Amino acid sequence: MAVAFVLINTEIGAESEVLAALKEVHAVEEAYTVYGVYDIMVKVKAETLDKLKETITSHVRGLDKIRSTLTMIAVESK
């Protein structure tokens, strides 16, 4: 199982709309509005690394009103 955490900056005032759209993405396990430099934090899971990359590129980063993202692919978990 491949896992990534994605930090997202949205257009001003679009946090709730983007969060709702992210929750509709099948591979999104968790999504939160957060305070700080980023607006939203998302946990994404997929069967393979290739599917994970495809999901993040097409279904997460491709959403309207997302200005920028920072993706951290998990290497190991406990």
N, C-alpha and C. Protein backbone atom coordinates (compact mmCIF):
# COMPACT_ATOMS: atom_id res chain seq x y z
N MET A 1 0.85 -1.18 0.00
CA MET A 1 0.00 0.00 0.00
C MET A 1 0.89 1.24 0.00
N ALA A 2 0.60 2.18 -0.88
CA ALA A 2 1.34 3.43 -0.97
C ALA A 2 0.52 4.53 -0.29
N VAL A 3 1.21 5.38 0.47
CA VAL A 3 0.55 6.45 1.23
C VAL A 3 1.28 7.76 0.99
N ALA A 4 0.52 8.83 0.88
CA ALA A 4 1.11 10.17 0.77
C ALA A 4 0.27 11.15 1.57
N PHE A 5 0.94 12.20 2.00
CA PHE A 5 0.27 13.32 2.66
C PHE A 5 0.45 14.52 1.74
N VAL A 6 -0.65 15.22 1.47
CA VAL A 6 -0.60 16.36 0.56
C VAL A 6 -1.06 17.60 1.32
N LEU A 7 -0.23 18.62 1.29
CA LEU A 7 -0.56 19.92 1.87
C LEU A 7 -1.02 20.82 0.73
N ILE A 8 -2.13 21.51 0.93
CA ILE A 8 -2.77 22.25 -0.16
C ILE A 8 -3.02 23.69 0.23
N ASN A 9 -2.72 24.60 -0.71
CA ASN A 9 -3.14 25.99 -0.62
C ASN A 9 -4.27 26.19 -1.60
N THR A 10 -5.36 26.78 -1.12
CA THR A 10 -6.53 27.03 -1.98
C THR A 10 -6.63 28.52 -2.27
N GLU A 11 -7.53 28.84 -3.19
CA GLU A 11 -7.86 30.24 -3.38
C GLU A 11 -8.54 30.73 -2.11
N ILE A 12 -8.44 32.01 -1.83
CA ILE A 12 -9.01 32.57 -0.61
C ILE A 12 -10.51 32.31 -0.54
N GLY A 13 -10.94 31.74 0.57
CA GLY A 13 -12.35 31.47 0.81
C GLY A 13 -12.86 30.17 0.21
N ALA A 14 -11.99 29.40 -0.45
CA ALA A 14 -12.44 28.17 -1.13
C ALA A 14 -12.15 26.91 -0.34
N GLU A 15 -11.70 27.05 0.89
CA GLU A 15 -11.30 25.89 1.69
C GLU A 15 -12.41 24.85 1.83
N SER A 16 -13.59 25.26 2.19
CA SER A 16 -14.71 24.33 2.40
C SER A 16 -15.11 23.62 1.11
N GLU A 17 -15.13 24.35 0.03
CA GLU A 17 -15.49 23.78 -1.27
C GLU A 17 -14.47 22.73 -1.71
N VAL A 18 -13.19 23.05 -1.57
CA VAL A 18 -12.12 22.11 -1.95
C VAL A 18 -12.14 20.90 -1.03
N LEU A 19 -12.33 21.12 0.27
CA LEU A 19 -12.38 20.01 1.22
C LEU A 19 -13.52 19.05 0.86
N ALA A 20 -14.68 19.57 0.53
CA ALA A 20 -15.82 18.73 0.14
C ALA A 20 -15.49 17.92 -1.12
N ALA A 21 -14.84 18.54 -2.09
CA ALA A 21 -14.48 17.84 -3.32
C ALA A 21 -13.44 16.75 -3.05
N LEU A 22 -12.50 17.02 -2.16
CA LEU A 22 -11.48 16.03 -1.82
C LEU A 22 -12.09 14.81 -1.15
N LYS A 23 -13.08 15.01 -0.33
CA LYS A 23 -13.71 13.89 0.36
C LYS A 23 -14.46 12.96 -0.59
N GLU A 24 -14.71 13.40 -1.81
CA GLU A 24 -15.35 12.58 -2.83
C GLU A 24 -14.35 11.73 -3.61
N VAL A 25 -13.07 12.02 -3.47
CA VAL A 25 -12.03 11.26 -4.17
C VAL A 25 -11.83 9.93 -3.44
N HIS A 26 -11.98 8.84 -4.15
CA HIS A 26 -11.95 7.50 -3.56
C HIS A 26 -10.70 7.23 -2.72
N ALA A 27 -9.54 7.63 -3.18
CA ALA A 27 -8.29 7.31 -2.51
C ALA A 27 -7.98 8.22 -1.32
N VAL A 28 -8.77 9.26 -1.12
CA VAL A 28 -8.54 10.16 0.00
C VAL A 28 -9.08 9.50 1.27
N GLU A 29 -8.16 9.17 2.18
CA GLU A 29 -8.52 8.52 3.44
C GLU A 29 -8.99 9.53 4.48
N GLU A 30 -8.29 10.66 4.55
CA GLU A 30 -8.61 11.71 5.52
C GLU A 30 -8.33 13.06 4.88
N ALA A 31 -9.08 14.07 5.26
CA ALA A 31 -8.86 15.43 4.78
C ALA A 31 -9.29 16.41 5.86
N TYR A 32 -8.44 17.38 6.12
CA TYR A 32 -8.69 18.34 7.20
C TYR A 32 -8.37 19.76 6.74
N THR A 33 -9.17 20.71 7.18
CA THR A 33 -8.80 22.11 7.08
C THR A 33 -7.84 22.37 8.23
N VAL A 34 -6.73 23.07 7.94
CA VAL A 34 -5.72 23.33 8.97
C VAL A 34 -5.36 24.81 9.00
N TYR A 35 -4.81 25.24 10.12
CA TYR A 35 -4.29 26.60 10.24
C TYR A 35 -2.81 26.58 9.97
N GLY A 36 -2.29 27.67 9.44
CA GLY A 36 -0.86 27.77 9.19
C GLY A 36 -0.59 28.14 7.74
N VAL A 37 0.55 27.73 7.24
CA VAL A 37 0.97 28.07 5.88
C VAL A 37 0.04 27.43 4.84
N TYR A 38 -0.47 26.24 5.13
CA TYR A 38 -1.35 25.53 4.21
C TYR A 38 -2.79 25.58 4.71
N ASP A 39 -3.73 25.34 3.80
CA ASP A 39 -5.15 25.41 4.13
C ASP A 39 -5.76 24.05 4.41
N ILE A 40 -5.27 23.02 3.72
CA ILE A 40 -5.84 21.67 3.83
C ILE A 40 -4.71 20.65 3.88
N MET A 41 -4.92 19.59 4.67
CA MET A 41 -4.00 18.45 4.72
C MET A 41 -4.80 17.21 4.38
N VAL A 42 -4.24 16.39 3.47
CA VAL A 42 -4.95 15.21 2.96
C VAL A 42 -4.05 13.99 3.07
N LYS A 43 -4.64 12.86 3.47
CA LYS A 43 -3.95 11.57 3.45
C LYS A 43 -4.54 10.77 2.30
N VAL A 44 -3.67 10.32 1.39
CA VAL A 44 -4.09 9.58 0.21
C VAL A 44 -3.46 8.19 0.25
N LYS A 45 -4.27 7.15 -0.06
CA LYS A 45 -3.77 5.77 -0.11
C LYS A 45 -4.14 5.16 -1.44
N ALA A 46 -3.23 4.32 -1.97
CA ALA A 46 -3.51 3.59 -3.20
C ALA A 46 -2.76 2.27 -3.15
N GLU A 47 -3.17 1.34 -4.01
CA GLU A 47 -2.56 0.01 -4.04
C GLU A 47 -1.09 0.04 -4.46
N THR A 48 -0.77 0.91 -5.40
CA THR A 48 0.62 0.99 -5.89
C THR A 48 1.08 2.44 -5.92
N LEU A 49 2.38 2.62 -6.03
CA LEU A 49 2.94 3.96 -6.12
C LEU A 49 2.47 4.65 -7.40
N ASP A 50 2.37 3.92 -8.49
CA ASP A 50 1.89 4.51 -9.74
C ASP A 50 0.45 5.00 -9.62
N LYS A 51 -0.40 4.22 -8.98
CA LYS A 51 -1.80 4.64 -8.78
C LYS A 51 -1.87 5.84 -7.84
N LEU A 52 -0.99 5.87 -6.85
CA LEU A 52 -0.93 6.99 -5.92
C LEU A 52 -0.57 8.27 -6.67
N LYS A 53 0.47 8.20 -7.49
CA LYS A 53 0.91 9.36 -8.27
C LYS A 53 -0.20 9.83 -9.21
N GLU A 54 -0.86 8.89 -9.87
CA GLU A 54 -1.94 9.23 -10.79
C GLU A 54 -3.09 9.91 -10.06
N THR A 55 -3.45 9.37 -8.91
CA THR A 55 -4.55 9.95 -8.12
C THR A 55 -4.21 11.37 -7.69
N ILE A 56 -3.01 11.57 -7.19
CA ILE A 56 -2.63 12.91 -6.72
C ILE A 56 -2.60 13.89 -7.89
N THR A 57 -2.01 13.47 -9.00
CA THR A 57 -1.90 14.36 -10.15
C THR A 57 -3.26 14.68 -10.76
N SER A 58 -4.06 13.67 -10.99
CA SER A 58 -5.33 13.87 -11.71
C SER A 58 -6.50 14.28 -10.83
N HIS A 59 -6.62 13.65 -9.67
CA HIS A 59 -7.83 13.82 -8.87
C HIS A 59 -7.68 14.78 -7.69
N VAL A 60 -6.48 15.04 -7.27
CA VAL A 60 -6.27 15.99 -6.17
C VAL A 60 -5.78 17.32 -6.73
N ARG A 61 -4.62 17.31 -7.36
CA ARG A 61 -4.06 18.56 -7.88
C ARG A 61 -4.91 19.17 -9.00
N GLY A 62 -5.72 18.35 -9.65
CA GLY A 62 -6.54 18.83 -10.75
C GLY A 62 -7.83 19.52 -10.34
N LEU A 63 -8.13 19.54 -9.05
CA LEU A 63 -9.36 20.18 -8.59
C LEU A 63 -9.30 21.69 -8.78
N ASP A 64 -10.46 22.27 -9.08
CA ASP A 64 -10.55 23.73 -9.19
C ASP A 64 -10.26 24.38 -7.85
N LYS A 65 -9.72 25.56 -7.91
CA LYS A 65 -9.46 26.44 -6.76
C LYS A 65 -8.29 25.98 -5.88
N ILE A 66 -7.49 25.03 -6.36
CA ILE A 66 -6.25 24.68 -5.67
C ILE A 66 -5.14 25.51 -6.30
N ARG A 67 -4.43 26.25 -5.46
CA ARG A 67 -3.36 27.11 -5.96
C ARG A 67 -2.02 26.39 -6.00
N SER A 68 -1.72 25.61 -4.95
CA SER A 68 -0.45 24.89 -4.91
C SER A 68 -0.56 23.70 -3.95
N THR A 69 0.37 22.75 -4.14
CA THR A 69 0.41 21.58 -3.26
C THR A 69 1.84 21.24 -2.91
N LEU A 70 1.99 20.52 -1.82
CA LEU A 70 3.26 19.92 -1.42
C LEU A 70 2.95 18.48 -1.06
N THR A 71 3.54 17.54 -1.80
CA THR A 71 3.25 16.12 -1.60
C THR A 71 4.42 15.45 -0.91
N MET A 72 4.09 14.68 0.13
CA MET A 72 5.10 13.91 0.87
C MET A 72 4.69 12.45 0.79
N ILE A 73 5.46 11.65 0.05
CA ILE A 73 5.17 10.23 -0.08
C ILE A 73 5.82 9.51 1.09
N ALA A 74 5.02 8.73 1.83
CA ALA A 74 5.52 8.03 3.00
C ALA A 74 6.42 6.89 2.58
N VAL A 75 7.52 6.73 3.29
CA VAL A 75 8.47 5.66 3.00
C VAL A 75 8.24 4.47 3.91
N GLU A 76 7.87 4.75 5.15
CA GLU A 76 7.74 3.69 6.14
C GLU A 76 6.73 4.11 7.19
N SER A 77 6.04 3.14 7.77
CA SER A 77 5.12 3.45 8.87
C SER A 77 5.31 2.45 9.98
N LYS A 78 4.82 2.79 11.16
CA LYS A 78 4.91 1.90 12.31
C LYS A 78 3.55 1.55 12.80
